[in-house]
Amino acid sequence: MNSSRIRIAAIVMFLGVALGAFGAHALEDRLVANDRIATWDTAVMYHLIHGVVLFIIALTSPRSRSFFFFLAGIVIFSGSLYALSLTGITKLGAITPIGGLCFLIAWFLWILNLGKQSDTLS
């Protein structure tokens, strides 16, 4: 078991819950003003779903490369949506698909190599 990856997954989940609550309460006025409540909610949803996946990988495939792509997806996809929601700078949305691509790569690697050693780091 890789305690570093489990710790990272726990931090990711903590941040997902905190950002969800923060967006629903402390940031609500700003998100309404920017017309970005749905965008924030999407960021939180993808953040939390993939945070759970980080835990699963850390517990079942502790050396999987998929872990890093899921983590990058959370940071880039959800992070760009959080930033877009708070700033209203729509050009930040151009970064979001890169995070989505990271998610797709991560899922592909995990599916392709589930149960195989070829998905592990040397």
C-alpha atoms as a PDB file:
ATOM      1  CA  MET A   1       0.000   0.000   0.000  1.00  0.00           C
ATOM      2  CA  ASN A   2       1.346   3.434  -0.913  1.00  0.00           C
ATOM      3  CA  SER A   3       0.640   5.816   1.973  1.00  0.00           C
ATOM      4  CA  SER A   4       1.804   8.849  -0.043  1.00  0.00           C
ATOM      5  CA  ARG A   5      -0.842   8.236  -2.688  1.00  0.00           C
ATOM      6  CA  ILE A   6      -3.487   7.604  -0.056  1.00  0.00           C
ATOM      7  CA  ARG A   7      -2.525  10.880   1.616  1.00  0.00           C
ATOM      8  CA  ILE A   8      -2.720  12.714  -1.726  1.00  0.00           C
ATOM      9  CA  ALA A   9      -6.153  11.197  -2.378  1.00  0.00           C
ATOM     10  CA  ALA A  10      -7.303  12.291   1.095  1.00  0.00           C
ATOM     11  CA  ILE A  11      -6.076  15.846   0.479  1.00  0.00           C
ATOM     12  CA  VAL A  12      -7.821  15.912  -2.902  1.00  0.00           C
ATOM     13  CA  MET A  13     -11.085  14.764  -1.309  1.00  0.00           C
ATOM     14  CA  PHE A  14     -10.743  17.258   1.558  1.00  0.00           C
ATOM     15  CA  LEU A  15     -10.303  20.059  -0.975  1.00  0.00           C
ATOM     16  CA  GLY A  16     -13.245  18.813  -3.044  1.00  0.00           C
ATOM     17  CA  VAL A  17     -15.582  18.857  -0.060  1.00  0.00           C
ATOM     18  CA  ALA A  18     -14.231  22.219   1.124  1.00  0.00           C
ATOM     19  CA  LEU A  19     -14.565  23.815  -2.318  1.00  0.00           C
ATOM     20  CA  GLY A  20     -18.062  22.403  -2.721  1.00  0.00           C
ATOM     21  CA  ALA A  21     -19.154  23.866   0.603  1.00  0.00           C
ATOM     22  CA  PHE A  22     -17.287  27.112   0.040  1.00  0.00           C
ATOM     23  CA  GLY A  23     -18.911  27.539  -3.362  1.00  0.00           C
ATOM     24  CA  ALA A  24     -22.378  26.807  -2.007  1.00  0.00           C
ATOM     25  CA  HIS A  25     -22.064  29.300   0.836  1.00  0.00           C
ATOM     26  CA  ALA A  26     -19.204  31.815   0.880  1.00  0.00           C
ATOM     27  CA  LEU A  27     -18.887  32.222  -2.891  1.00  0.00           C
ATOM     28  CA  GLU A  28     -22.529  32.008  -3.875  1.00  0.00           C
ATOM     29  CA  ASP A  29     -22.918  35.736  -4.567  1.00  0.00           C
ATOM     30  CA  ARG A  30     -19.826  35.820  -6.795  1.00  0.00           C
ATOM     31  CA  LEU A  31     -20.860  32.666  -8.658  1.00  0.00           C
ATOM     32  CA  VAL A  32     -24.338  34.078  -9.225  1.00  0.00           C
ATOM     33  CA  ALA A  33     -22.872  37.393 -10.416  1.00  0.00           C
ATOM     34  CA  ASN A  34     -20.623  35.525 -12.868  1.00  0.00           C
ATOM     35  CA  ASP A  35     -23.477  33.183 -13.826  1.00  0.00           C
ATOM     36  CA  ARG A  36     -21.205  30.223 -12.979  1.00  0.00           C
ATOM     37  CA  ILE A  37     -22.970  28.128 -10.344  1.00  0.00           C
ATOM     38  CA  ALA A  38     -23.378  25.218 -12.783  1.00  0.00           C
ATOM     39  CA  THR A  39     -19.716  25.511 -13.810  1.00  0.00           C
ATOM     40  CA  TRP A  40     -18.603  25.380 -10.161  1.00  0.00           C
ATOM     41  CA  ASP A  41     -20.864  22.392  -9.530  1.00  0.00           C
ATOM     42  CA  THR A  42     -19.370  20.574 -12.528  1.00  0.00           C
ATOM     43  CA  ALA A  43     -15.852  21.256 -11.227  1.00  0.00           C
ATOM     44  CA  VAL A  44     -16.755  19.899  -7.791  1.00  0.00           C
ATOM     45  CA  MET A  45     -18.478  16.824  -9.216  1.00  0.00           C
ATOM     46  CA  TYR A  46     -15.515  15.840 -11.400  1.00  0.00           C
ATOM     47  CA  HIS A  47     -13.131  16.675  -8.550  1.00  0.00           C
ATOM     48  CA  LEU A  48     -14.917  14.400  -6.062  1.00  0.00           C
ATOM     49  CA  ILE A  49     -15.617  11.510  -8.440  1.00  0.00           C
ATOM     50  CA  HIS A  50     -12.015  11.347  -9.550  1.00  0.00           C
ATOM     51  CA  GLY A  51     -10.801  11.850  -5.985  1.00  0.00           C
ATOM     52  CA  VAL A  52     -12.585   8.624  -5.057  1.00  0.00           C
ATOM     53  CA  VAL A  53     -10.899   6.959  -8.016  1.00  0.00           C
ATOM     54  CA  LEU A  54      -7.531   8.110  -6.656  1.00  0.00           C
ATOM     55  CA  PHE A  55      -8.308   6.223  -3.431  1.00  0.00           C
ATOM     56  CA  ILE A  56      -9.298   3.106  -5.349  1.00  0.00           C
ATOM     57  CA  ILE A  57      -6.102   3.170  -7.374  1.00  0.00           C
ATOM     58  CA  ALA A  58      -3.949   3.879  -4.315  1.00  0.00           C
ATOM     59  CA  LEU A  59      -5.477   0.867  -2.571  1.00  0.00           C
ATOM     60  CA  THR A  60      -5.649  -1.583  -5.465  1.00  0.00           C
ATOM     61  CA  SER A  61      -2.948  -0.548  -7.953  1.00  0.00           C
ATOM     62  CA  PRO A  62      -0.541   1.546  -5.905  1.00  0.00           C
ATOM     63  CA  ARG A  63       2.022   1.935  -8.688  1.00  0.00           C
ATOM     64  CA  SER A  64      -0.381   2.679 -11.540  1.00  0.00           C
ATOM     65  CA  ARG A  65       0.456   5.549 -13.897  1.00  0.00           C
ATOM     66  CA  SER A  66      -3.276   6.218 -14.074  1.00  0.00           C
ATOM     67  CA  PHE A  67      -3.026   7.879 -10.656  1.00  0.00           C
ATOM     68  CA  PHE A  68      -0.970  10.753 -12.067  1.00  0.00           C
ATOM     69  CA  PHE A  69      -3.263  11.307 -15.028  1.00  0.00           C
ATOM     70  CA  PHE A  70      -6.330  11.361 -12.761  1.00  0.00           C
ATOM     71  CA  LEU A  71      -4.579  13.830 -10.460  1.00  0.00           C
ATOM     72  CA  ALA A  72      -3.564  16.020 -13.406  1.00  0.00           C
ATOM     73  CA  GLY A  73      -7.131  15.856 -14.708  1.00  0.00           C
ATOM     74  CA  ILE A  74      -8.497  17.074 -11.390  1.00  0.00           C
ATOM     75  CA  VAL A  75      -6.014  19.929 -11.182  1.00  0.00           C
ATOM     76  CA  ILE A  76      -6.402  21.042 -14.803  1.00  0.00           C
ATOM     77  CA  PHE A  77     -10.079  20.281 -15.481  1.00  0.00           C
ATOM     78  CA  SER A  78     -11.608  21.253 -12.151  1.00  0.00           C
ATOM     79  CA  GLY A  79      -8.965  23.887 -11.428  1.00  0.00           C
ATOM     80  CA  SER A  80      -9.645  25.731 -14.671  1.00  0.00           C
ATOM     81  CA  LEU A  81     -13.395  25.608 -14.028  1.00  0.00           C
ATOM     82  CA  TYR A  82     -12.912  26.920 -10.474  1.00  0.00           C
ATOM     83  CA  ALA A  83     -10.782  29.772 -11.811  1.00  0.00           C
ATOM     84  CA  LEU A  84     -13.261  30.513 -14.613  1.00  0.00           C
ATOM     85  CA  SER A  85     -16.139  30.552 -12.137  1.00  0.00           C
ATOM     86  CA  LEU A  86     -14.406  32.995  -9.811  1.00  0.00           C
ATOM     87  CA  THR A  87     -12.891  35.336 -12.361  1.00  0.00           C
ATOM     88  CA  GLY A  88     -15.359  35.221 -15.233  1.00  0.00           C
ATOM     89  CA  ILE A  89     -12.392  34.996 -17.617  1.00  0.00           C
ATOM     90  CA  THR A  90     -13.856  32.730 -20.263  1.00  0.00           C
ATOM     91  CA  LYS A  91     -10.479  32.095 -21.922  1.00  0.00           C
ATOM     92  CA  LEU A  92      -9.691  29.836 -18.959  1.00  0.00           C
ATOM     93  CA  GLY A  93     -12.219  27.434 -20.452  1.00  0.00           C
ATOM     94  CA  ALA A  94      -9.689  26.701 -23.209  1.00  0.00           C
ATOM     95  CA  ILE A  95      -7.540  24.861 -20.635  1.00  0.00           C
ATOM     96  CA  THR A  96     -10.369  22.630 -19.412  1.00  0.00           C
ATOM     97  CA  PRO A  97     -10.253  20.115 -22.309  1.00  0.00           C
ATOM     98  CA  ILE A  98      -6.614  19.342 -21.454  1.00  0.00           C
ATOM     99  CA  GLY A  99      -7.827  18.144 -18.055  1.00  0.00           C
ATOM    100  CA  GLY A 100     -10.568  16.155 -19.760  1.00  0.00           C
ATOM    101  CA  LEU A 101      -7.945  14.530 -21.964  1.00  0.00           C
ATOM    102  CA  CYS A 102      -5.962  13.614 -18.834  1.00  0.00           C
ATOM    103  CA  PHE A 103      -9.086  11.930 -17.448  1.00  0.00           C
ATOM    104  CA  LEU A 104      -9.591  10.002 -20.684  1.00  0.00           C
ATOM    105  CA  ILE A 105      -5.957   8.857 -20.739  1.00  0.00           C
ATOM    106  CA  ALA A 106      -6.211   7.802 -17.096  1.00  0.00           C
ATOM    107  CA  TRP A 107      -9.397   5.802 -17.665  1.00  0.00           C
ATOM    108  CA  PHE A 108      -7.934   4.226 -20.799  1.00  0.00           C
ATOM    109  CA  LEU A 109      -4.731   3.190 -19.005  1.00  0.00           C
ATOM    110  CA  TRP A 110      -6.652   1.823 -16.068  1.00  0.00           C
ATOM    111  CA  ILE A 111      -9.066  -0.165 -18.234  1.00  0.00           C
ATOM    112  CA  LEU A 112      -6.378  -1.390 -20.600  1.00  0.00           C
ATOM    113  CA  ASN A 113      -4.032  -2.507 -17.872  1.00  0.00           C
ATOM    114  CA  LEU A 114      -6.356  -3.486 -15.052  1.00  0.00           C
ATOM    115  CA  GLY A 115      -4.764  -6.431 -13.353  1.00  0.00           C
ATOM    116  CA  LYS A 116      -1.604  -6.256 -15.447  1.00  0.00           C
ATOM    117  CA  GLN A 117       1.816  -5.176 -14.275  1.00  0.00           C
ATOM    118  CA  SER A 118       2.455  -3.179 -17.456  1.00  0.00           C
ATOM    119  CA  ASP A 119       0.655  -0.165 -15.988  1.00  0.00           C
ATOM    120  CA  THR A 120       3.072   0.099 -13.081  1.00  0.00           C
ATOM    121  CA  LEU A 121       6.061   2.329 -12.706  1.00  0.00           C
ATOM    122  CA  SER A 122       9.513   0.773 -12.693  1.00  0.00           C
END
